Amino acid sequence: MVLSKTASQTDVSVHSTFASRYVRNSLPRFKMPEESIPKEAAYQIINDELMLDGNPRLNLASFVTTWMEPECDKLIMDAVNKNYVDMDEYPVTTELQNRCVNMIAHLFNAPLGDSETAVGVGTVGSSEAIMLAGLAFKRKWQNKRKAEGKPFDKPNIVTGANVQVCWEKFARYFEVELKEVKLREGYYVMDPAKAVEMVDENTICVAAILGSTLNGEFEDVKLLNDLLVEKNKETGWDTPIHADAASGGFIAPFLYPELEWDFRLPLVKSINVSGHKYGLVYAGIGWVIWRNKEDLPEELIFHINYLGADQPTFTLNFSKGSSQVIAQYYQLIRLGYEGYRNVMENCHENAMVLKRGLEKTGRFSIVSKDEGVPLVAFSLKDNKRHDEFEIAEMLRRFGWIVPAYTMPADAQHITVLRVVIREDFSRTLAERLVMDIEKVLHELDMLPAKVSAKLAMAEEEHGNNGTVKKTAIETQREITAYWKKYVTERKTNKNKIC
């Protein structure tokens, strides 16, 4: 006699994942489920949902590294369970971080003796690095003001309006006024002369950007330093400079070694750089380096011993993974100066390929500069019928994620598209992107200019009724606002569906 039994609902060993009950029911979204599910089912369900994410390699909006060598991937996975803050338990990892700090400090021409140790720390990213540098400037300024018997309750930082949002966060979180130099059409970085004009006795530092997020352009740190030296002599102040080299810190030393932006300039007291951008490491790792010990107030450094030994720490985060620190050291010794230079040269050449391809269409104005971060920022020469937001939306059909955005004040009427060229973006992909942009332009040319037509009709009606007609800039702003709202609503609706 043959014995048999019916498999129960809980006997999953005879079921494939897709034949099981776990894919028939919606998983809880807001509360932890009461019962466990098999590991295979959990993996498959999550993996399937993640397929709806964009492809990181085609995410041309991001500066963040999306590819590393398999050998480094293995090092990362081997160290994923190490908590970096346990310095006594993981002394080699701590040593690797210190080596990275010193290598980067020398790369930025820190004034160090042969046996002198650099002052710096690894962070989760440039946002944390900027917070730490800003705190050091604020504390130094406060200490000096207290010693002079002067008020110390109204510190400010001077920046360009093109700064990344982390500067706004620092100003708000740590109660520092942010004084921004406005932009203007055709000039999308901080004007050093205007920045120095805004400096006063309460300015804790001027922040210069080596690689603007908007168009990749390097700000003129050398000119800023020279102008500020003169103002300090006239006023008796000692206003310093922080170089925000999040994007450009691992580019300038290899592509533009003669460019003076770093510790070669006497007023540059600290520099931050993102290891997870052109440092060629996955997110999130950043670095902040100080010129010397005197630029980092001792009272900001904490000493703890409850993990086994005296451990000095100056971070906003406590526990964090060791993987990215190890990965940064791997890249520094694996590539060396020669390897980084080759990678950056390739990125720059591919950016030029893309730029020339876009120029050949005759439809775009290039907003970015050839010298700077390897990216291409561009605007339509004529956006009366269709605009940059429509192009960005339609490129997603081909898999490309290309951001469209408006410039900050006072250039907010300018809309641009931006393509960041990373290590894994080849010449073939650059050529393919141009082809797909040409297809999108052709499709848009065949479509009616919906928004523009409506706005034109409304403008004509207003004119016929005797009211003042809208200017071209006002009309363009309405078009831009409409498409920003349209794209935002599309994204919101997709999230609701998911």
Protein backbone atom coordinates (compact mmCIF):
# COMPACT_ATOMS: atom_id res chain seq x y z
CA MET A 1 0.00 0.00 0.00
CA VAL A 2 1.28 3.47 -0.89
CA LEU A 3 1.01 5.98 1.94
CA SER A 4 0.45 9.63 1.13
CA LYS A 5 -0.57 12.82 2.87
CA THR A 6 -1.77 16.24 1.88
CA ALA A 7 0.70 19.02 2.42
CA SER A 8 -0.51 21.53 4.99
CA GLN A 9 -0.51 25.24 4.53
CA THR A 10 2.55 25.53 6.76
CA ASP A 11 4.54 22.81 5.01
CA VAL A 12 6.41 25.01 2.56
CA SER A 13 9.11 22.50 1.70
CA VAL A 14 7.09 21.11 -1.21
CA HIS A 15 6.08 24.53 -2.57
CA SER A 16 7.98 26.92 -4.78
CA THR A 17 7.99 30.44 -3.39
CA PHE A 18 5.61 31.67 -6.05
CA ALA A 19 3.21 28.79 -5.38
CA SER A 20 3.09 29.50 -1.66
CA ARG A 21 0.54 31.55 0.22
CA TYR A 22 3.14 34.18 1.07
CA VAL A 23 2.90 35.80 -2.34
CA ARG A 24 -0.92 35.75 -2.35
CA ASN A 25 -1.37 38.06 0.60
CA SER A 26 -0.24 41.65 0.99
CA LEU A 27 2.44 42.04 3.60
CA PRO A 28 1.84 44.50 6.47
CA ARG A 29 3.10 47.99 5.67
CA PHE A 30 2.74 49.78 8.98
CA LYS A 31 2.76 47.10 11.67
CA MET A 32 5.09 44.17 12.26
CA PRO A 33 3.42 40.88 11.20
CA GLU A 34 2.30 38.49 13.91
CA GLU A 35 3.83 35.40 12.28
CA SER A 36 7.19 34.62 10.72
CA ILE A 37 7.62 33.74 7.07
CA PRO A 38 10.32 31.59 5.46
CA LYS A 39 13.60 33.33 4.60
CA GLU A 40 13.23 32.40 0.92
CA ALA A 41 9.82 34.06 0.73
CA ALA A 42 11.02 37.19 2.56
CA TYR A 43 13.97 37.51 0.20
CA GLN A 44 11.90 36.98 -2.94
CA ILE A 45 9.14 39.41 -1.97
CA ILE A 46 11.56 42.20 -1.08
CA ASN A 47 13.76 41.53 -4.11
CA ASP A 48 10.75 41.72 -6.41
CA GLU A 49 9.69 45.08 -5.01
CA LEU A 50 13.21 46.44 -5.36
CA MET A 51 13.07 45.69 -9.09
CA LEU A 52 10.85 48.77 -9.36
CA ASP A 53 13.74 50.99 -8.24
CA GLY A 54 15.76 52.71 -10.92
CA ASN A 55 19.04 51.21 -12.13
CA PRO A 56 21.84 52.89 -10.10
CA ARG A 57 24.20 52.72 -13.07
CA LEU A 58 21.73 54.75 -15.15
CA ASN A 59 21.05 57.25 -12.38
CA LEU A 60 22.81 60.22 -13.94
CA ALA A 61 21.46 62.53 -11.24
CA SER A 62 23.82 61.16 -8.62
CA PHE A 63 27.48 61.92 -7.92
CA VAL A 64 27.68 58.80 -5.74
CA THR A 65 29.78 55.80 -6.78
CA THR A 66 27.73 52.90 -8.19
CA TRP A 67 30.47 50.42 -9.15
CA MET A 68 33.52 48.96 -7.43
CA GLU A 69 35.82 46.06 -8.21
CA PRO A 70 34.71 42.58 -7.03
CA GLU A 71 37.76 42.31 -4.76
CA CYS A 72 36.68 45.45 -2.92
CA ASP A 73 33.08 44.21 -2.77
CA LYS A 74 34.41 41.15 -0.97
CA LEU A 75 36.36 43.27 1.54
CA ILE A 76 33.21 45.27 2.19
CA MET A 77 31.10 42.17 2.87
CA ASP A 78 33.80 40.67 5.09
CA ALA A 79 33.77 43.82 7.26
CA VAL A 80 30.04 44.55 7.21
CA ASN A 81 29.63 43.30 10.80
CA LYS A 82 32.39 45.52 12.25
CA ASN A 83 31.36 48.60 14.21
CA TYR A 84 33.97 51.22 13.38
CA VAL A 85 33.61 53.00 16.73
CA ASP A 86 35.01 49.96 18.61
CA MET A 87 38.57 51.13 18.05
CA ASP A 88 40.10 48.92 20.71
CA GLU A 89 38.45 45.80 19.29
CA TYR A 90 39.26 46.69 15.68
CA PRO A 91 42.63 48.46 15.86
CA VAL A 92 43.59 47.67 12.26
CA THR A 93 40.44 49.35 10.92
CA THR A 94 41.28 52.41 13.03
CA GLU A 95 44.80 52.38 11.62
CA LEU A 96 43.42 52.23 8.06
CA GLN A 97 41.26 55.28 8.77
CA ASN A 98 44.28 57.18 10.06
CA ARG A 99 46.25 56.23 6.96
CA CYS A 100 43.41 57.55 4.76
CA VAL A 101 43.34 60.84 6.69
CA ASN A 102 47.07 61.31 6.18
CA MET A 103 47.01 60.37 2.50
CA ILE A 104 44.16 62.78 1.81
CA ALA A 105 45.82 65.55 3.85
CA HIS A 106 49.00 65.22 1.77
CA LEU A 107 46.89 65.16 -1.40
CA PHE A 108 45.46 68.53 -0.29
CA ASN A 109 48.95 69.91 0.47
CA ALA A 110 48.54 70.15 4.23
CA PRO A 111 51.63 71.74 5.84
CA LEU A 112 52.87 68.57 7.57
CA GLY A 113 56.36 67.57 8.61
CA ASP A 114 57.80 64.19 7.67
CA SER A 115 56.69 62.55 10.92
CA GLU A 116 53.71 64.80 11.65
CA THR A 117 50.23 63.26 11.80
CA ALA A 118 47.37 64.94 9.96
CA VAL A 119 44.26 66.16 11.78
CA GLY A 120 41.05 64.76 10.34
CA VAL A 121 38.32 62.18 10.64
CA GLY A 122 36.19 59.87 8.54
CA THR A 123 32.49 60.70 8.44
CA VAL A 124 29.29 59.22 7.04
CA GLY A 125 29.47 61.74 4.20
CA SER A 126 30.25 65.36 3.41
CA SER A 127 27.14 66.52 5.26
CA GLU A 128 28.53 65.31 8.58
CA ALA A 129 31.98 66.58 7.61
CA ILE A 130 30.58 70.07 6.97
CA MET A 131 28.72 70.03 10.29
CA LEU A 132 31.98 69.22 12.12
CA ALA A 133 33.99 71.85 10.24
CA GLY A 134 31.28 74.44 10.88
CA LEU A 135 31.21 73.64 14.59
CA ALA A 136 34.98 74.06 14.78
CA PHE A 137 34.77 77.49 13.12
CA LYS A 138 31.90 78.56 15.36
CA ARG A 139 33.67 77.50 18.55
CA LYS A 140 36.96 79.18 17.55
CA TRP A 141 35.12 82.42 16.73
CA GLN A 142 33.17 82.30 20.00
CA ASN A 143 36.31 81.70 22.05
CA LYS A 144 38.05 84.64 20.41
CA ARG A 145 35.06 86.96 20.92
CA LYS A 146 34.74 85.95 24.57
CA ALA A 147 38.43 86.64 25.16
CA GLU A 148 37.98 90.11 23.62
CA GLY A 149 34.87 90.77 25.72
CA LYS A 150 32.68 91.12 22.61
CA PRO A 151 29.21 89.67 21.83
CA PHE A 152 29.31 86.12 20.45
CA ASP A 153 25.62 85.35 19.87
CA LYS A 154 25.23 86.24 16.19
CA PRO A 155 27.66 84.14 14.10
CA ASN A 156 27.25 83.97 10.33
CA ILE A 157 28.71 82.10 7.36
CA VAL A 158 29.05 83.59 3.87
CA THR A 159 28.34 81.24 0.96
CA GLY A 160 26.97 81.30 -2.55
CA ALA A 161 23.30 80.59 -3.19
CA ASN A 162 24.48 77.46 -5.02
CA VAL A 163 25.54 75.65 -1.83
CA GLN A 164 24.24 72.17 -1.10
CA VAL A 165 21.37 71.89 1.38
CA CYS A 166 23.69 70.55 4.12
CA TRP A 167 24.96 74.11 4.63
CA GLU A 168 21.41 75.30 5.20
CA LYS A 169 20.96 72.42 7.66
CA PHE A 170 24.09 73.40 9.55
CA ALA A 171 22.97 77.02 9.77
CA ARG A 172 19.52 76.09 11.05
CA TYR A 173 20.54 73.28 13.40
CA PHE A 174 23.44 75.18 15.00
CA GLU A 175 21.96 78.69 14.93
CA VAL A 176 24.28 80.36 12.46
CA GLU A 177 23.06 82.95 9.98
CA LEU A 178 23.63 81.92 6.37
CA LYS A 179 24.49 84.93 4.18
CA GLU A 180 24.19 83.90 0.54
CA VAL A 181 25.68 85.61 -2.48
CA LYS A 182 22.94 85.55 -5.11
CA LEU A 183 23.57 84.11 -8.55
CA ARG A 184 22.87 85.71 -11.90
CA GLU A 185 22.20 84.43 -15.38
CA GLY A 186 25.41 83.16 -16.92
CA TYR A 187 27.28 83.13 -13.57
CA TYR A 188 26.15 80.25 -11.39
CA VAL A 189 28.79 80.21 -8.64
CA MET A 190 29.70 82.52 -5.77
CA ASP A 191 31.30 85.81 -6.81
CA PRO A 192 34.39 86.14 -4.53
CA ALA A 193 34.28 89.94 -4.53
CA LYS A 194 30.63 90.03 -3.44
CA ALA A 195 31.31 87.35 -0.83
CA VAL A 196 34.10 89.38 0.76
CA GLU A 197 31.86 92.45 0.79
CA MET A 198 29.36 90.49 2.92
CA VAL A 199 31.98 89.47 5.50
CA ASP A 200 31.70 91.22 8.85
CA GLU A 201 33.12 90.79 12.36
CA ASN A 202 30.58 88.00 13.04
CA THR A 203 31.58 85.88 10.04
CA ILE A 204 33.01 82.59 11.26
CA CYS A 205 34.15 81.55 7.77
CA VAL A 206 33.52 81.88 4.04
CA ALA A 207 32.59 78.57 2.39
CA ALA A 208 33.84 78.07 -1.17
CA ILE A 209 32.69 75.16 -3.31
CA LEU A 210 35.08 73.13 -5.41
CA GLY A 211 32.50 71.66 -7.75
CA SER A 212 29.06 73.25 -7.61
CA THR A 213 26.17 70.80 -7.51
CA LEU A 214 24.34 72.88 -10.11
CA ASN A 215 26.88 72.89 -12.93
CA GLY A 216 30.10 71.32 -11.60
CA GLU A 217 32.04 74.59 -11.76
CA PHE A 218 34.95 75.24 -9.39
CA GLU A 219 34.71 78.49 -7.46
CA ASP A 220 37.77 80.74 -7.50
CA VAL A 221 39.19 79.94 -4.06
CA LYS A 222 42.51 81.62 -4.89
CA LEU A 223 40.86 84.95 -5.65
CA LEU A 224 38.66 84.62 -2.57
CA ASN A 225 41.76 84.00 -0.43
CA ASP A 226 43.60 87.03 -1.85
CA LEU A 227 40.63 89.38 -1.40
CA LEU A 228 39.99 88.11 2.12
CA VAL A 229 43.65 88.54 3.09
CA GLU A 230 43.37 92.22 2.15
CA LYS A 231 40.12 92.68 4.06
CA ASN A 232 41.57 90.98 7.14
CA LYS A 233 44.54 93.38 7.02
CA GLU A 234 42.24 96.40 6.77
CA THR A 235 39.88 95.32 9.55
CA GLY A 236 42.11 93.34 11.89
CA TRP A 237 39.83 90.32 11.55
CA ASP A 238 41.10 86.82 10.74
CA THR A 239 38.14 85.44 8.78
CA PRO A 240 39.08 81.97 7.43
CA ILE A 241 37.93 79.85 4.48
CA HIS A 242 36.43 76.38 4.36
CA ALA A 243 36.75 74.53 1.04
CA ASP A 244 33.72 72.35 0.36
CA ALA A 245 35.40 69.89 -1.99
CA ALA A 246 32.72 67.20 -1.70
CA SER A 247 32.69 66.63 -5.46
CA GLY A 248 35.94 68.18 -6.64
CA GLY A 249 38.42 67.14 -3.95
CA PHE A 250 39.30 63.89 -5.69
CA ILE A 251 39.30 65.54 -9.13
CA ALA A 252 41.37 68.73 -8.93
CA PRO A 253 44.60 67.12 -7.61
CA PHE A 254 44.68 64.75 -10.60
CA LEU A 255 43.27 66.84 -13.48
CA TYR A 256 44.33 70.34 -12.36
CA PRO A 257 47.33 69.91 -10.03
CA GLU A 258 48.44 73.54 -10.53
CA LEU A 259 45.08 74.93 -9.42
CA GLU A 260 45.45 76.57 -5.99
CA TRP A 261 42.36 75.88 -3.90
CA ASP A 262 43.60 73.80 -0.96
CA PHE A 263 45.99 74.23 2.02
CA ARG A 264 48.47 76.01 -0.22
CA LEU A 265 46.26 79.04 0.44
CA PRO A 266 46.90 80.36 3.97
CA LEU A 267 43.26 81.12 4.85
CA VAL A 268 41.97 77.64 3.98
CA LYS A 269 41.68 76.06 7.42
CA SER A 270 39.59 72.96 6.67
CA ILE A 271 38.47 70.89 3.69
CA ASN A 272 35.77 68.27 3.31
CA VAL A 273 35.59 65.67 0.56
CA SER A 274 33.19 62.84 -0.25
CA GLY A 275 34.88 59.48 -0.52
CA HIS A 276 31.65 58.11 -1.92
CA LYS A 277 31.72 60.48 -4.90
CA TYR A 278 34.95 60.75 -6.88
CA GLY A 279 36.79 59.02 -4.05
CA LEU A 280 35.24 55.99 -5.82
CA VAL A 281 33.64 54.30 -2.78
CA TYR A 282 30.02 53.30 -2.26
CA ALA A 283 27.87 55.58 -0.05
CA GLY A 284 28.48 56.67 2.70
CA ILE A 285 31.95 57.86 3.51
CA GLY A 286 33.28 61.40 3.77
CA TRP A 287 36.37 63.08 5.18
CA VAL A 288 37.16 66.36 6.86
CA ILE A 289 40.76 67.53 7.20
CA TRP A 290 42.02 70.49 9.23
CA ARG A 291 45.10 72.51 8.39
CA ASN A 292 46.63 71.90 11.83
CA LYS A 293 45.69 71.04 15.41
CA GLU A 294 45.01 74.67 16.36
CA ASP A 295 42.11 74.80 13.88
CA LEU A 296 40.17 72.10 15.74
CA PRO A 297 39.32 73.27 19.29
CA GLU A 298 40.28 70.64 21.83
CA GLU A 299 37.00 71.03 23.77
CA LEU A 300 35.08 69.57 20.82
CA ILE A 301 36.96 66.26 21.09
CA PHE A 302 35.46 63.67 23.43
CA HIS A 303 37.46 60.94 25.16
CA ILE A 304 35.63 57.71 25.99
CA ASN A 305 36.92 54.52 27.60
CA TYR A 306 33.89 52.27 27.99
CA LEU A 307 34.75 50.28 24.87
CA GLY A 308 38.10 49.15 26.25
CA ALA A 309 40.57 52.00 25.87
CA ASP A 310 40.82 55.78 25.69
CA GLN A 311 39.30 56.77 22.36
CA PRO A 312 39.18 60.38 21.15
CA THR A 313 36.12 61.05 18.99
CA PHE A 314 34.73 64.05 17.14
CA THR A 315 31.71 62.92 15.14
CA LEU A 316 27.98 63.49 15.12
CA ASN A 317 27.37 59.78 14.63
CA PHE A 318 28.60 57.13 17.03
CA SER A 319 28.22 53.59 15.71
CA LYS A 320 28.85 53.12 12.01
CA GLY A 321 30.11 50.42 9.68
CA SER A 322 33.78 49.86 8.94
CA SER A 323 33.26 48.73 5.35
CA GLN A 324 33.51 52.10 3.63
CA VAL A 325 36.66 53.09 5.51
CA ILE A 326 38.30 49.86 4.39
CA ALA A 327 37.01 50.38 0.85
CA GLN A 328 38.52 53.87 0.75
CA TYR A 329 41.91 52.54 1.79
CA TYR A 330 41.62 49.83 -0.87
CA GLN A 331 41.01 52.42 -3.59
CA LEU A 332 43.83 54.69 -2.44
CA ILE A 333 46.46 51.93 -2.50
CA ARG A 334 44.96 49.96 -5.40
CA LEU A 335 44.73 52.89 -7.81
CA GLY A 336 47.39 55.23 -6.48
CA TYR A 337 47.96 58.62 -8.06
CA GLU A 338 48.26 57.12 -11.53
CA GLY A 339 45.00 55.18 -11.29
CA TYR A 340 42.96 58.09 -9.97
CA ARG A 341 44.36 60.34 -12.69
CA ASN A 342 43.38 57.83 -15.38
CA VAL A 343 39.85 57.47 -14.00
CA MET A 344 39.35 61.25 -13.82
CA GLU A 345 40.77 61.75 -17.32
CA ASN A 346 38.35 59.13 -18.67
CA CYS A 347 35.43 60.82 -16.93
CA HIS A 348 36.42 64.20 -18.35
CA GLU A 349 36.82 62.81 -21.89
CA ASN A 350 33.41 61.12 -21.75
CA ALA A 351 31.86 64.36 -20.52
CA MET A 352 33.32 66.10 -23.57
CA VAL A 353 31.89 63.37 -25.84
CA LEU A 354 28.45 63.97 -24.37
CA LYS A 355 28.83 67.75 -24.59
CA ARG A 356 29.81 67.62 -28.27
CA GLY A 357 26.93 65.25 -29.01
CA LEU A 358 24.44 67.61 -27.42
CA GLU A 359 25.90 70.62 -29.22
CA LYS A 360 25.54 68.81 -32.57
CA THR A 361 21.78 68.62 -32.08
CA GLY A 362 21.69 72.41 -32.22
CA ARG A 363 18.98 72.42 -29.56
CA PHE A 364 20.92 72.98 -26.33
CA SER A 365 23.01 75.61 -24.59
CA ILE A 366 25.75 74.16 -22.37
CA VAL A 367 25.68 75.65 -18.86
CA SER A 368 28.58 73.69 -17.35
CA LYS A 369 32.29 74.48 -17.77
CA ASP A 370 34.97 72.26 -19.29
CA GLU A 371 37.12 72.70 -16.16
CA GLY A 372 35.41 71.31 -13.10
CA VAL A 373 33.50 68.21 -12.10
CA PRO A 374 32.99 65.95 -15.15
CA LEU A 375 29.33 66.64 -15.78
CA VAL A 376 27.26 68.28 -18.48
CA ALA A 377 24.53 70.74 -17.53
CA PHE A 378 22.46 72.00 -20.44
CA SER A 379 19.30 73.95 -21.28
CA LEU A 380 17.03 74.08 -24.30
CA LYS A 381 17.71 77.06 -26.52
CA ASP A 382 13.99 77.26 -27.24
CA ASN A 383 11.61 75.92 -24.58
CA LYS A 384 8.44 77.68 -25.71
CA ARG A 385 6.80 74.46 -26.96
CA HIS A 386 8.38 71.90 -24.60
CA ASP A 387 10.73 72.22 -21.69
CA GLU A 388 13.48 70.41 -19.79
CA PHE A 389 11.08 68.73 -17.35
CA GLU A 390 9.33 66.98 -20.25
CA ILE A 391 12.67 65.72 -21.56
CA ALA A 392 13.62 64.35 -18.12
CA GLU A 393 10.26 62.60 -17.80
CA MET A 394 10.43 61.00 -21.25
CA LEU A 395 14.05 59.85 -20.82
CA ARG A 396 12.87 57.59 -17.98
CA ARG A 397 11.18 55.42 -20.60
CA PHE A 398 14.67 54.51 -21.84
CA GLY A 399 15.90 53.84 -18.29
CA TRP A 400 17.84 57.11 -17.92
CA ILE A 401 17.40 59.16 -14.75
CA VAL A 402 18.39 62.73 -15.69
CA PRO A 403 17.34 65.52 -13.31
CA ALA A 404 15.76 68.77 -14.43
CA TYR A 405 15.77 71.69 -12.00
CA THR A 406 15.68 75.45 -11.75
CA MET A 407 18.62 77.56 -10.61
CA PRO A 408 18.56 79.33 -7.21
CA ALA A 409 17.83 83.05 -6.74
CA ASP A 410 18.38 85.25 -8.72
CA ALA A 411 18.56 82.91 -11.69
CA GLN A 412 15.48 80.80 -10.92
CA HIS A 413 14.03 81.40 -14.39
CA ILE A 414 16.82 79.20 -15.84
CA THR A 415 16.00 75.48 -16.07
CA VAL A 416 18.72 72.91 -16.74
CA LEU A 417 19.23 69.20 -17.23
CA ARG A 418 22.36 67.66 -15.69
CA VAL A 419 24.27 64.47 -16.47
CA VAL A 420 26.99 63.43 -14.00
CA ILE A 421 29.78 61.36 -15.56
CA ARG A 422 31.00 58.71 -13.13
CA GLU A 423 33.70 56.06 -13.47
CA ASP A 424 31.23 53.47 -14.80
CA PHE A 425 29.75 55.75 -17.50
CA SER A 426 31.52 54.74 -20.70
CA ARG A 427 31.85 56.49 -24.05
CA THR A 428 29.37 54.03 -25.52
CA LEU A 429 26.79 55.00 -22.90
CA ALA A 430 27.45 58.69 -23.59
CA GLU A 431 26.81 58.16 -27.29
CA ARG A 432 23.70 56.10 -26.50
CA LEU A 433 22.33 58.83 -24.26
CA VAL A 434 22.69 61.40 -27.04
CA MET A 435 20.79 59.08 -29.39
CA ASP A 436 17.98 58.67 -26.86
CA ILE A 437 17.80 62.43 -26.25
CA GLU A 438 17.46 62.93 -30.01
CA LYS A 439 14.59 60.42 -30.03
CA VAL A 440 12.88 62.27 -27.20
CA LEU A 441 13.28 65.59 -29.01
CA HIS A 442 11.77 64.09 -32.16
CA GLU A 443 8.80 62.72 -30.21
CA LEU A 444 8.24 66.04 -28.46
CA ASP A 445 8.33 67.86 -31.80
CA MET A 446 5.43 65.65 -32.92
CA LEU A 447 3.36 66.46 -29.83
CA PRO A 448 1.25 69.58 -29.28
CA ALA A 449 2.75 72.14 -26.95
CA LYS A 450 0.06 71.61 -24.32
CA VAL A 451 1.15 73.81 -21.48
CA SER A 452 2.76 76.51 -23.57
CA ALA A 453 -0.30 76.77 -25.78
CA LYS A 454 -2.63 77.17 -22.79
CA LEU A 455 -0.42 79.82 -21.23
CA ALA A 456 -0.14 81.65 -24.55
CA MET A 457 -3.93 81.66 -24.92
CA ALA A 458 -4.36 82.92 -21.36
CA GLU A 459 -1.78 85.62 -22.00
CA GLU A 460 -3.57 86.70 -25.17
CA GLU A 461 -6.91 86.83 -23.35
CA HIS A 462 -5.44 88.99 -20.62
CA GLY A 463 -4.03 91.29 -23.28
CA ASN A 464 -7.37 91.58 -25.07
CA ASN A 465 -9.08 92.42 -21.78
CA GLY A 466 -6.79 95.35 -21.29
CA THR A 467 -4.62 93.80 -18.57
CA VAL A 468 -0.83 93.80 -18.66
CA LYS A 469 0.69 90.95 -20.69
CA LYS A 470 3.08 88.58 -18.98
CA THR A 471 6.74 88.83 -19.78
CA ALA A 472 8.60 85.93 -21.36
CA ILE A 473 10.29 85.19 -18.03
CA GLU A 474 6.94 85.15 -16.19
CA THR A 475 5.49 82.81 -18.78
CA GLN A 476 8.52 80.51 -18.54
CA ARG A 477 8.27 80.47 -14.74
CA GLU A 478 4.63 79.37 -14.99
CA ILE A 479 5.59 76.60 -17.40
CA THR A 480 8.39 75.49 -15.10
CA ALA A 481 6.12 75.56 -12.03
CA TYR A 482 3.49 73.52 -13.86
CA TRP A 483 5.93 70.81 -14.88
CA LYS A 484 7.57 70.66 -11.47
CA LYS A 485 4.10 70.14 -9.98
CA TYR A 486 3.23 67.59 -12.67
CA VAL A 487 6.40 65.53 -12.13
CA THR A 488 6.00 65.70 -8.32
CA GLU A 489 2.40 64.50 -8.55
CA ARG A 490 3.42 61.64 -10.83
CA LYS A 491 6.06 60.51 -8.34
CA THR A 492 3.61 60.86 -5.42
CA ASN A 493 0.96 58.81 -7.21
CA LYS A 494 3.50 56.08 -8.00
CA ASN A 495 4.49 55.90 -4.35
CA LYS A 496 0.85 55.62 -3.31
CA ILE A 497 0.32 52.75 -5.74
CA CYS A 498 3.38 50.97 -4.41
